[in-house]
Amino acid sequence: MKLSLVALSCLLLAAANAYEQIDLNYHENVGIPKAEAIRQAELAADFDGSRIVGGSTVSRLGEWPFIGGLVISLTDGRQSVCGSSLLSTTKLVTAAHCWRTHNVQARQFTVVLGSLRLFSGGTRINTNRVEMHSSYNMNTLNNDIAMITINSVNLNNNVNTIALASGSNNYAGSWARAAGFGLTRDGGAISNSQALSHARLQVITNAACRNTYGSAVVVSSTLCVSGANRISTCSGDSGGPLTTDDRRTLIGITSFGSDSGCQRNLPAGFARVTSFNSWIRARM
């Protein structure tokens, strides 16, 4: 009997290890080193805010008027970076892990609106008014969503809101768009012209996504994109938007990808906005 239990435990462990692992230490592994690299690159840049760099960089201010870059001040004095989406003149939504992980706690967000660059330009608002979902799970990144409150911002062509997805559409098979200040390829150096970048991605079923990450990570409130052709969200895009192809409706909040890299043709995971629509609206 004892031998059978040991054998069963080994089988369960092997099954768990068969799935791709997600990065649960975002700030230490991604956000903190990325913040310093982007800051140094922007200081060295001769960037006029209008040219396209690397093929996927946002070329015009106002192309993504609802995206809010987050420069994150941590309680230990270091800085990290994330993204967010503007829902009203005072509210944004981001990933809960941008505010807190197992080892790191944020102290303040600097929300950056109306800018292609993260550490300079645009409208910049400091806030520590952040509410994480009460069921946010740091071990699986389930319910990885948080609301940010800021002082009221003026809307214009470069700073505007995005609508929330609602209803029962699971978007599987649909094309979507993601944006963020992260790298455009695995291991690529931050260039002097690093700026807001975007990608066009196809939504897949949760069943297909579970084949990669398992049922503990991929739950009904998760939305996944395929990552085929080595196109995906990449390090530094956490908390940023996944929208419908026309960029009019927010359908996902960037949450996780494979711990082994973002260009391995593997899915990326998002908090599914339709699952959190009521939670978000109750806080607007």
C-alpha atoms as a PDB file:
ATOM      1  CA  MET A   1       0.000   0.000   0.000  1.00  0.00           C
ATOM      2  CA  LYS A   2       2.818   2.374   0.954  1.00  0.00           C
ATOM      3  CA  LEU A   3       4.595   1.552  -2.298  1.00  0.00           C
ATOM      4  CA  SER A   4       1.442   2.302  -4.279  1.00  0.00           C
ATOM      5  CA  LEU A   5       1.085   5.710  -2.647  1.00  0.00           C
ATOM      6  CA  VAL A   6       4.700   6.535  -3.448  1.00  0.00           C
ATOM      7  CA  ALA A   7       4.196   5.457  -7.049  1.00  0.00           C
ATOM      8  CA  LEU A   8       1.039   7.569  -7.299  1.00  0.00           C
ATOM      9  CA  SER A   9       2.845  10.607  -5.892  1.00  0.00           C
ATOM     10  CA  CYS A  10       5.606  10.182  -8.442  1.00  0.00           C
ATOM     11  CA  LEU A  11       3.083   9.953 -11.263  1.00  0.00           C
ATOM     12  CA  LEU A  12       1.312  13.117 -10.103  1.00  0.00           C
ATOM     13  CA  LEU A  13       4.624  14.959  -9.819  1.00  0.00           C
ATOM     14  CA  ALA A  14       5.652  13.832 -13.293  1.00  0.00           C
ATOM     15  CA  ALA A  15       2.314  14.973 -14.707  1.00  0.00           C
ATOM     16  CA  ALA A  16       2.685  18.408 -13.103  1.00  0.00           C
ATOM     17  CA  ASN A  17       6.233  18.756 -14.420  1.00  0.00           C
ATOM     18  CA  ALA A  18       5.047  17.885 -17.937  1.00  0.00           C
ATOM     19  CA  TYR A  19       3.428  21.317 -18.234  1.00  0.00           C
ATOM     20  CA  GLU A  20       5.247  24.524 -19.096  1.00  0.00           C
ATOM     21  CA  GLN A  21       6.069  26.616 -16.043  1.00  0.00           C
ATOM     22  CA  ILE A  22       5.003  30.254 -15.733  1.00  0.00           C
ATOM     23  CA  ASP A  23       7.177  32.954 -14.173  1.00  0.00           C
ATOM     24  CA  LEU A  24       5.923  33.730 -10.669  1.00  0.00           C
ATOM     25  CA  ASN A  25       8.714  36.217  -9.852  1.00  0.00           C
ATOM     26  CA  TYR A  26       7.947  38.864 -12.460  1.00  0.00           C
ATOM     27  CA  HIS A  27       9.635  41.847 -10.825  1.00  0.00           C
ATOM     28  CA  GLU A  28      12.898  40.080  -9.930  1.00  0.00           C
ATOM     29  CA  ASN A  29      13.255  38.268 -13.250  1.00  0.00           C
ATOM     30  CA  VAL A  30      11.762  40.782 -15.697  1.00  0.00           C
ATOM     31  CA  GLY A  31      10.411  44.088 -14.436  1.00  0.00           C
ATOM     32  CA  ILE A  32      13.357  45.389 -12.401  1.00  0.00           C
ATOM     33  CA  PRO A  33      16.100  44.706 -14.973  1.00  0.00           C
ATOM     34  CA  LYS A  34      13.796  45.921 -17.753  1.00  0.00           C
ATOM     35  CA  ALA A  35      13.076  49.210 -15.976  1.00  0.00           C
ATOM     36  CA  GLU A  36      16.732  50.159 -15.751  1.00  0.00           C
ATOM     37  CA  ALA A  37      17.483  49.057 -19.321  1.00  0.00           C
ATOM     38  CA  ILE A  38      14.600  51.097 -20.761  1.00  0.00           C
ATOM     39  CA  ARG A  39      15.496  54.139 -18.635  1.00  0.00           C
ATOM     40  CA  GLN A  40      19.123  54.075 -19.804  1.00  0.00           C
ATOM     41  CA  ALA A  41      18.094  53.562 -23.432  1.00  0.00           C
ATOM     42  CA  GLU A  42      15.697  56.499 -23.320  1.00  0.00           C
ATOM     43  CA  LEU A  43      18.389  58.725 -21.825  1.00  0.00           C
ATOM     44  CA  ALA A  44      20.665  57.817 -24.748  1.00  0.00           C
ATOM     45  CA  ALA A  45      18.003  58.038 -27.426  1.00  0.00           C
ATOM     46  CA  ASP A  46      17.554  60.517 -30.218  1.00  0.00           C
ATOM     47  CA  PHE A  47      13.905  59.634 -30.720  1.00  0.00           C
ATOM     48  CA  ASP A  48      11.415  62.005 -32.333  1.00  0.00           C
ATOM     49  CA  GLY A  49       8.248  60.013 -31.482  1.00  0.00           C
ATOM     50  CA  SER A  50       7.203  59.423 -35.089  1.00  0.00           C
ATOM     51  CA  ARG A  51       9.326  56.739 -36.713  1.00  0.00           C
ATOM     52  CA  ILE A  52       8.824  52.954 -36.683  1.00  0.00           C
ATOM     53  CA  VAL A  53      11.657  50.866 -35.228  1.00  0.00           C
ATOM     54  CA  GLY A  54      11.899  47.093 -35.506  1.00  0.00           C
ATOM     55  CA  GLY A  55       8.772  46.626 -37.597  1.00  0.00           C
ATOM     56  CA  SER A  56       6.297  46.393 -34.738  1.00  0.00           C
ATOM     57  CA  THR A  57       6.805  49.657 -32.884  1.00  0.00           C
ATOM     58  CA  VAL A  58       3.812  51.975 -32.583  1.00  0.00           C
ATOM     59  CA  SER A  59       4.426  54.702 -35.138  1.00  0.00           C
ATOM     60  CA  ARG A  60       1.980  57.422 -34.089  1.00  0.00           C
ATOM     61  CA  LEU A  61       1.124  58.974 -30.766  1.00  0.00           C
ATOM     62  CA  GLY A  62      -2.581  58.286 -30.294  1.00  0.00           C
ATOM     63  CA  GLU A  63      -2.580  54.894 -32.002  1.00  0.00           C
ATOM     64  CA  TRP A  64      -3.100  53.300 -28.556  1.00  0.00           C
ATOM     65  CA  PRO A  65      -4.520  56.234 -26.541  1.00  0.00           C
ATOM     66  CA  PHE A  66      -5.834  54.014 -23.738  1.00  0.00           C
ATOM     67  CA  ILE A  67      -2.561  52.328 -22.817  1.00  0.00           C
ATOM     68  CA  GLY A  68      -0.946  53.438 -19.570  1.00  0.00           C
ATOM     69  CA  GLY A  69       2.676  52.614 -18.950  1.00  0.00           C
ATOM     70  CA  LEU A  70       3.479  51.887 -15.311  1.00  0.00           C
ATOM     71  CA  VAL A  71       6.782  52.871 -13.733  1.00  0.00           C
ATOM     72  CA  ILE A  72       6.633  50.996 -10.439  1.00  0.00           C
ATOM     73  CA  SER A  73       8.372  52.146  -7.255  1.00  0.00           C
ATOM     74  CA  LEU A  74       8.933  49.120  -5.026  1.00  0.00           C
ATOM     75  CA  THR A  75       9.102  49.146  -1.234  1.00  0.00           C
ATOM     76  CA  ASP A  76      12.823  48.251  -1.350  1.00  0.00           C
ATOM     77  CA  GLY A  77      13.649  51.349  -3.423  1.00  0.00           C
ATOM     78  CA  ARG A  78      14.027  49.638  -6.797  1.00  0.00           C
ATOM     79  CA  GLN A  79      11.919  50.276  -9.908  1.00  0.00           C
ATOM     80  CA  SER A  80       9.967  47.909 -12.145  1.00  0.00           C
ATOM     81  CA  VAL A  81       7.664  48.326 -15.163  1.00  0.00           C
ATOM     82  CA  CYS A  82       4.240  47.111 -16.333  1.00  0.00           C
ATOM     83  CA  GLY A  83       1.319  48.236 -18.491  1.00  0.00           C
ATOM     84  CA  SER A  84      -2.341  49.126 -17.904  1.00  0.00           C
ATOM     85  CA  SER A  85      -5.483  50.270 -19.742  1.00  0.00           C
ATOM     86  CA  LEU A  86      -7.473  53.465 -19.168  1.00  0.00           C
ATOM     87  CA  LEU A  87     -11.184  52.803 -18.548  1.00  0.00           C
ATOM     88  CA  SER A  88     -12.340  56.240 -17.368  1.00  0.00           C
ATOM     89  CA  THR A  89     -10.798  59.566 -16.426  1.00  0.00           C
ATOM     90  CA  THR A  90      -9.882  58.118 -13.007  1.00  0.00           C
ATOM     91  CA  LYS A  91      -9.631  54.325 -13.425  1.00  0.00           C
ATOM     92  CA  LEU A  92      -7.223  51.893 -15.074  1.00  0.00           C
ATOM     93  CA  VAL A  93      -6.958  48.113 -14.999  1.00  0.00           C
ATOM     94  CA  THR A  94      -3.722  46.087 -14.802  1.00  0.00           C
ATOM     95  CA  ALA A  95      -2.408  42.729 -13.599  1.00  0.00           C
ATOM     96  CA  ALA A  96      -2.397  42.120  -9.843  1.00  0.00           C
ATOM     97  CA  HIS A  97       1.145  40.735 -10.047  1.00  0.00           C
ATOM     98  CA  CYS A  98       2.332  44.195 -11.116  1.00  0.00           C
ATOM     99  CA  TRP A  99       1.437  45.377  -7.590  1.00  0.00           C
ATOM    100  CA  ARG A 100       2.447  42.290  -5.637  1.00  0.00           C
ATOM    101  CA  THR A 101       4.278  38.987  -6.095  1.00  0.00           C
ATOM    102  CA  HIS A 102       5.573  36.515  -3.496  1.00  0.00           C
ATOM    103  CA  ASN A 103       8.798  38.421  -2.925  1.00  0.00           C
ATOM    104  CA  VAL A 104       8.085  41.977  -4.025  1.00  0.00           C
ATOM    105  CA  GLN A 105       5.565  44.646  -3.061  1.00  0.00           C
ATOM    106  CA  ALA A 106       4.967  47.876  -4.974  1.00  0.00           C
ATOM    107  CA  ARG A 107       4.758  51.185  -3.113  1.00  0.00           C
ATOM    108  CA  GLN A 108       3.609  53.473  -5.936  1.00  0.00           C
ATOM    109  CA  PHE A 109       2.682  53.448  -9.620  1.00  0.00           C
ATOM    110  CA  THR A 110       3.605  56.302 -11.928  1.00  0.00           C
ATOM    111  CA  VAL A 111       0.950  56.039 -14.637  1.00  0.00           C
ATOM    112  CA  VAL A 112       2.232  57.277 -18.016  1.00  0.00           C
ATOM    113  CA  LEU A 113      -0.451  58.289 -20.533  1.00  0.00           C
ATOM    114  CA  GLY A 114      -0.118  59.705 -24.044  1.00  0.00           C
ATOM    115  CA  SER A 115       3.519  58.714 -24.560  1.00  0.00           C
ATOM    116  CA  LEU A 116       5.437  56.242 -26.718  1.00  0.00           C
ATOM    117  CA  ARG A 117       8.190  56.232 -24.117  1.00  0.00           C
ATOM    118  CA  LEU A 118       8.023  55.094 -20.537  1.00  0.00           C
ATOM    119  CA  PHE A 119      10.408  57.282 -18.525  1.00  0.00           C
ATOM    120  CA  SER A 120       9.754  60.622 -20.209  1.00  0.00           C
ATOM    121  CA  GLY A 121       6.953  62.541 -21.868  1.00  0.00           C
ATOM    122  CA  GLY A 122       3.192  62.263 -21.701  1.00  0.00           C
ATOM    123  CA  THR A 123       0.898  62.801 -18.741  1.00  0.00           C
ATOM    124  CA  ARG A 124       2.456  61.322 -15.587  1.00  0.00           C
ATOM    125  CA  ILE A 125       0.388  60.650 -12.465  1.00  0.00           C
ATOM    126  CA  ASN A 126       1.574  59.069  -9.202  1.00  0.00           C
ATOM    127  CA  THR A 127      -0.780  56.856  -7.219  1.00  0.00           C
ATOM    128  CA  ASN A 128      -0.806  54.162  -4.565  1.00  0.00           C
ATOM    129  CA  ARG A 129      -4.548  53.543  -4.837  1.00  0.00           C
ATOM    130  CA  VAL A 130      -4.540  49.982  -6.130  1.00  0.00           C
ATOM    131  CA  GLU A 131      -7.100  47.273  -5.408  1.00  0.00           C
ATOM    132  CA  MET A 132      -6.165  43.682  -6.245  1.00  0.00           C
ATOM    133  CA  HIS A 133      -8.834  41.029  -6.797  1.00  0.00           C
ATOM    134  CA  SER A 134      -9.531  39.377  -3.444  1.00  0.00           C
ATOM    135  CA  SER A 135      -9.069  35.913  -5.012  1.00  0.00           C
ATOM    136  CA  TYR A 136      -5.786  36.700  -6.769  1.00  0.00           C
ATOM    137  CA  ASN A 137      -3.570  33.610  -6.483  1.00  0.00           C
ATOM    138  CA  MET A 138       0.162  34.293  -6.624  1.00  0.00           C
ATOM    139  CA  ASN A 139       0.914  30.596  -7.211  1.00  0.00           C
ATOM    140  CA  THR A 140      -1.203  30.176 -10.359  1.00  0.00           C
ATOM    141  CA  LEU A 141      -1.896  33.800 -11.402  1.00  0.00           C
ATOM    142  CA  ASN A 142      -5.616  33.071 -11.355  1.00  0.00           C
ATOM    143  CA  ASN A 143      -7.677  36.291 -10.962  1.00  0.00           C
ATOM    144  CA  ASP A 144      -4.597  38.301 -11.918  1.00  0.00           C
ATOM    145  CA  ILE A 145      -6.325  41.663 -12.077  1.00  0.00           C
ATOM    146  CA  ALA A 146      -6.190  44.955 -10.180  1.00  0.00           C
ATOM    147  CA  MET A 147      -7.853  48.370 -10.411  1.00  0.00           C
ATOM    148  CA  ILE A 148      -5.858  51.610 -10.261  1.00  0.00           C
ATOM    149  CA  THR A 149      -7.377  54.924  -9.186  1.00  0.00           C
ATOM    150  CA  ILE A 150      -5.788  58.213 -10.275  1.00  0.00           C
ATOM    151  CA  ASN A 151      -6.661  61.899 -10.097  1.00  0.00           C
ATOM    152  CA  SER A 152      -8.856  62.822 -13.049  1.00  0.00           C
ATOM    153  CA  VAL A 153      -7.049  63.117 -16.377  1.00  0.00           C
ATOM    154  CA  ASN A 154      -8.118  65.191 -19.389  1.00  0.00           C
ATOM    155  CA  LEU A 155      -9.036  63.129 -22.455  1.00  0.00           C
ATOM    156  CA  ASN A 156      -7.768  64.052 -25.923  1.00  0.00           C
ATOM    157  CA  ASN A 157      -6.550  62.388 -29.123  1.00  0.00           C
ATOM    158  CA  ASN A 158      -3.555  60.891 -27.321  1.00  0.00           C
ATOM    159  CA  VAL A 159      -5.240  59.976 -24.027  1.00  0.00           C
ATOM    160  CA  ASN A 160      -8.568  58.181 -24.194  1.00  0.00           C
ATOM    161  CA  THR A 161     -10.521  55.259 -22.769  1.00  0.00           C
ATOM    162  CA  ILE A 162     -11.292  51.776 -24.079  1.00  0.00           C
ATOM    163  CA  ALA A 163     -14.562  49.833 -23.783  1.00  0.00           C
ATOM    164  CA  LEU A 164     -14.826  46.625 -21.745  1.00  0.00           C
ATOM    165  CA  ALA A 165     -15.750  43.314 -23.353  1.00  0.00           C
ATOM    166  CA  SER A 166     -19.023  41.847 -22.080  1.00  0.00           C
ATOM    167  CA  GLY A 167     -21.288  38.909 -22.829  1.00  0.00           C
ATOM    168  CA  SER A 168     -20.425  35.281 -23.578  1.00  0.00           C
ATOM    169  CA  ASN A 169     -18.077  35.601 -26.572  1.00  0.00           C
ATOM    170  CA  ASN A 170     -14.945  33.546 -25.840  1.00  0.00           C
ATOM    171  CA  TYR A 171     -13.160  35.041 -28.885  1.00  0.00           C
ATOM    172  CA  ALA A 172     -11.574  31.684 -29.814  1.00  0.00           C
ATOM    173  CA  GLY A 173     -10.344  31.887 -33.397  1.00  0.00           C
ATOM    174  CA  SER A 174     -10.572  35.686 -33.448  1.00  0.00           C
ATOM    175  CA  TRP A 175      -7.629  37.965 -34.101  1.00  0.00           C
ATOM    176  CA  ALA A 176      -6.609  40.346 -31.335  1.00  0.00           C
ATOM    177  CA  ARG A 177      -3.950  42.961 -30.659  1.00  0.00           C
ATOM    178  CA  ALA A 178      -1.598  43.402 -27.708  1.00  0.00           C
ATOM    179  CA  ALA A 179       0.702  46.282 -26.830  1.00  0.00           C
ATOM    180  CA  GLY A 180       3.411  47.011 -24.285  1.00  0.00           C
ATOM    181  CA  PHE A 181       6.859  48.445 -23.624  1.00  0.00           C
ATOM    182  CA  GLY A 182       8.553  45.019 -23.464  1.00  0.00           C
ATOM    183  CA  LEU A 183      11.182  43.476 -25.695  1.00  0.00           C
ATOM    184  CA  THR A 184      10.284  42.523 -29.252  1.00  0.00           C
ATOM    185  CA  ARG A 185      12.318  39.292 -29.170  1.00  0.00           C
ATOM    186  CA  ASP A 186      13.870  36.891 -26.656  1.00  0.00           C
ATOM    187  CA  GLY A 187      17.239  38.039 -25.397  1.00  0.00           C
ATOM    188  CA  GLY A 188      17.179  41.180 -27.538  1.00  0.00           C
ATOM    189  CA  ALA A 189      18.921  44.205 -26.113  1.00  0.00           C
ATOM    190  CA  ILE A 190      16.875  47.285 -25.305  1.00  0.00           C
ATOM    191  CA  SER A 191      17.599  49.693 -28.170  1.00  0.00           C
ATOM    192  CA  ASN A 192      18.008  53.452 -27.847  1.00  0.00           C
ATOM    193  CA  SER A 193      14.715  53.831 -29.723  1.00  0.00           C
ATOM    194  CA  GLN A 194      12.804  51.353 -27.546  1.00  0.00           C
ATOM    195  CA  ALA A 195       9.165  52.405 -27.521  1.00  0.00           C
ATOM    196  CA  LEU A 196       5.628  51.131 -27.240  1.00  0.00           C
ATOM    197  CA  SER A 197       5.279  47.999 -29.403  1.00  0.00           C
ATOM    198  CA  HIS A 198       2.328  45.926 -30.568  1.00  0.00           C
ATOM    199  CA  ALA A 199       1.508  42.523 -32.062  1.00  0.00           C
ATOM    200  CA  ARG A 200      -1.443  40.857 -33.802  1.00  0.00           C
ATOM    201  CA  LEU A 201      -2.318  37.522 -32.164  1.00  0.00           C
ATOM    202  CA  GLN A 202      -4.937  34.792 -32.555  1.00  0.00           C
ATOM    203  CA  VAL A 203      -7.079  33.716 -29.602  1.00  0.00           C
ATOM    204  CA  ILE A 204      -7.165  29.952 -28.944  1.00  0.00           C
ATOM    205  CA  THR A 205      -9.466  27.757 -26.882  1.00  0.00           C
ATOM    206  CA  ASN A 206      -8.780  27.231 -23.200  1.00  0.00           C
ATOM    207  CA  ALA A 207      -8.588  23.487 -23.875  1.00  0.00           C
ATOM    208  CA  ALA A 208      -5.650  24.036 -26.217  1.00  0.00           C
ATOM    209  CA  CYS A 209      -3.991  26.359 -23.693  1.00  0.00           C
ATOM    210  CA  ARG A 210      -4.401  23.795 -20.887  1.00  0.00           C
ATOM    211  CA  ASN A 211      -2.396  21.325 -22.943  1.00  0.00           C
ATOM    212  CA  THR A 212       0.576  23.643 -22.403  1.00  0.00           C
ATOM    213  CA  TYR A 213       0.083  25.049 -18.895  1.00  0.00           C
ATOM    214  CA  GLY A 214      -2.360  22.676 -17.178  1.00  0.00           C
ATOM    215  CA  SER A 215      -5.754  23.143 -15.561  1.00  0.00           C
ATOM    216  CA  ALA A 216      -4.458  24.818 -12.387  1.00  0.00           C
ATOM    217  CA  VAL A 217      -3.161  27.793 -14.397  1.00  0.00           C
ATOM    218  CA  VAL A 218      -5.692  27.919 -17.241  1.00  0.00           C
ATOM    219  CA  VAL A 219      -9.159  28.337 -15.725  1.00  0.00           C
ATOM    220  CA  SER A 220     -12.430  29.638 -17.137  1.00  0.00           C
ATOM    221  CA  SER A 221     -11.423  33.255 -16.442  1.00  0.00           C
ATOM    222  CA  THR A 222      -8.214  32.838 -18.484  1.00  0.00           C
ATOM    223  CA  LEU A 223      -7.924  33.823 -22.152  1.00  0.00           C
ATOM    224  CA  CYS A 224      -5.013  32.600 -24.282  1.00  0.00           C
ATOM    225  CA  VAL A 225      -3.412  33.497 -27.607  1.00  0.00           C
ATOM    226  CA  SER A 226      -1.464  31.006 -29.692  1.00  0.00           C
ATOM    227  CA  GLY A 227       2.056  32.438 -29.952  1.00  0.00           C
ATOM    228  CA  ALA A 228       2.411  30.791 -33.384  1.00  0.00           C
ATOM    229  CA  ASN A 229       5.121  32.072 -35.748  1.00  0.00           C
ATOM    230  CA  ARG A 230       7.046  33.259 -32.694  1.00  0.00           C
ATOM    231  CA  ILE A 231       4.739  36.250 -32.238  1.00  0.00           C
ATOM    232  CA  SER A 232       3.501  36.820 -28.711  1.00  0.00           C
ATOM    233  CA  THR A 233       3.482  39.180 -25.770  1.00  0.00           C
ATOM    234  CA  CYS A 234       6.990  39.403 -24.348  1.00  0.00           C
ATOM    235  CA  SER A 235       8.784  40.270 -21.134  1.00  0.00           C
ATOM    236  CA  GLY A 236       7.780  43.684 -19.842  1.00  0.00           C
ATOM    237  CA  ASP A 237       4.234  43.666 -21.260  1.00  0.00           C
ATOM    238  CA  SER A 238       2.544  42.458 -18.043  1.00  0.00           C
ATOM    239  CA  GLY A 239      -0.715  44.211 -17.185  1.00  0.00           C
ATOM    240  CA  GLY A 240      -1.077  45.688 -20.663  1.00  0.00           C
ATOM    241  CA  PRO A 241      -4.084  45.345 -22.985  1.00  0.00           C
ATOM    242  CA  LEU A 242      -5.271  42.637 -25.327  1.00  0.00           C
ATOM    243  CA  THR A 243      -7.938  44.153 -27.560  1.00  0.00           C
ATOM    244  CA  THR A 244     -10.207  43.186 -30.405  1.00  0.00           C
ATOM    245  CA  ASP A 245      -8.577  43.526 -33.808  1.00  0.00           C
ATOM    246  CA  ASP A 246     -10.032  47.016 -34.254  1.00  0.00           C
ATOM    247  CA  ARG A 247      -8.542  48.121 -30.881  1.00  0.00           C
ATOM    248  CA  ARG A 248     -11.947  49.294 -29.651  1.00  0.00           C
ATOM    249  CA  THR A 249     -12.655  46.708 -26.934  1.00  0.00           C
ATOM    250  CA  LEU A 250     -10.494  45.344 -24.116  1.00  0.00           C
ATOM    251  CA  ILE A 251     -10.747  41.538 -23.981  1.00  0.00           C
ATOM    252  CA  GLY A 252      -7.687  40.587 -21.927  1.00  0.00           C
ATOM    253  CA  ILE A 253      -5.086  41.803 -19.425  1.00  0.00           C
ATOM    254  CA  THR A 254      -1.587  40.429 -20.009  1.00  0.00           C
ATOM    255  CA  SER A 255      -0.821  37.907 -17.280  1.00  0.00           C
ATOM    256  CA  PHE A 256       1.644  35.120 -18.109  1.00  0.00           C
ATOM    257  CA  GLY A 257       3.743  33.278 -20.651  1.00  0.00           C
ATOM    258  CA  SER A 258       6.219  30.441 -20.607  1.00  0.00           C
ATOM    259  CA  ASP A 259       9.046  30.778 -18.093  1.00  0.00           C
ATOM    260  CA  SER A 260      11.413  29.649 -20.857  1.00  0.00           C
ATOM    261  CA  GLY A 261      10.765  32.532 -23.254  1.00  0.00           C
ATOM    262  CA  CYS A 262       8.163  34.354 -25.285  1.00  0.00           C
ATOM    263  CA  GLN A 263       9.203  33.269 -28.792  1.00  0.00           C
ATOM    264  CA  ARG A 264       8.872  29.492 -28.511  1.00  0.00           C
ATOM    265  CA  ASN A 265       5.527  29.250 -30.348  1.00  0.00           C
ATOM    266  CA  LEU A 266       3.813  28.751 -26.983  1.00  0.00           C
ATOM    267  CA  PRO A 267       0.564  30.377 -25.805  1.00  0.00           C
ATOM    268  CA  ALA A 268       0.408  33.483 -23.653  1.00  0.00           C
ATOM    269  CA  GLY A 269      -2.245  33.963 -20.970  1.00  0.00           C
ATOM    270  CA  PHE A 270      -4.480  36.895 -20.053  1.00  0.00           C
ATOM    271  CA  ALA A 271      -7.147  37.668 -17.484  1.00  0.00           C
ATOM    272  CA  ARG A 272     -10.399  37.313 -19.473  1.00  0.00           C
ATOM    273  CA  VAL A 273     -12.219  40.648 -19.249  1.00  0.00           C
ATOM    274  CA  THR A 274     -15.710  39.193 -19.780  1.00  0.00           C
ATOM    275  CA  SER A 275     -15.182  37.110 -16.612  1.00  0.00           C
ATOM    276  CA  PHE A 276     -14.286  40.225 -14.613  1.00  0.00           C
ATOM    277  CA  ASN A 277     -16.652  42.728 -16.224  1.00  0.00           C
ATOM    278  CA  SER A 278     -18.926  42.975 -13.161  1.00  0.00           C
ATOM    279  CA  TRP A 279     -15.971  43.172 -10.761  1.00  0.00           C
ATOM    280  CA  ILE A 280     -14.441  46.013 -12.794  1.00  0.00           C
ATOM    281  CA  ARG A 281     -17.693  47.963 -13.213  1.00  0.00           C
ATOM    282  CA  ALA A 282     -18.394  47.788  -9.482  1.00  0.00           C
ATOM    283  CA  ARG A 283     -15.155  49.738  -8.965  1.00  0.00           C
ATOM    284  CA  MET A 284     -15.539  52.409 -11.649  1.00  0.00           C
END
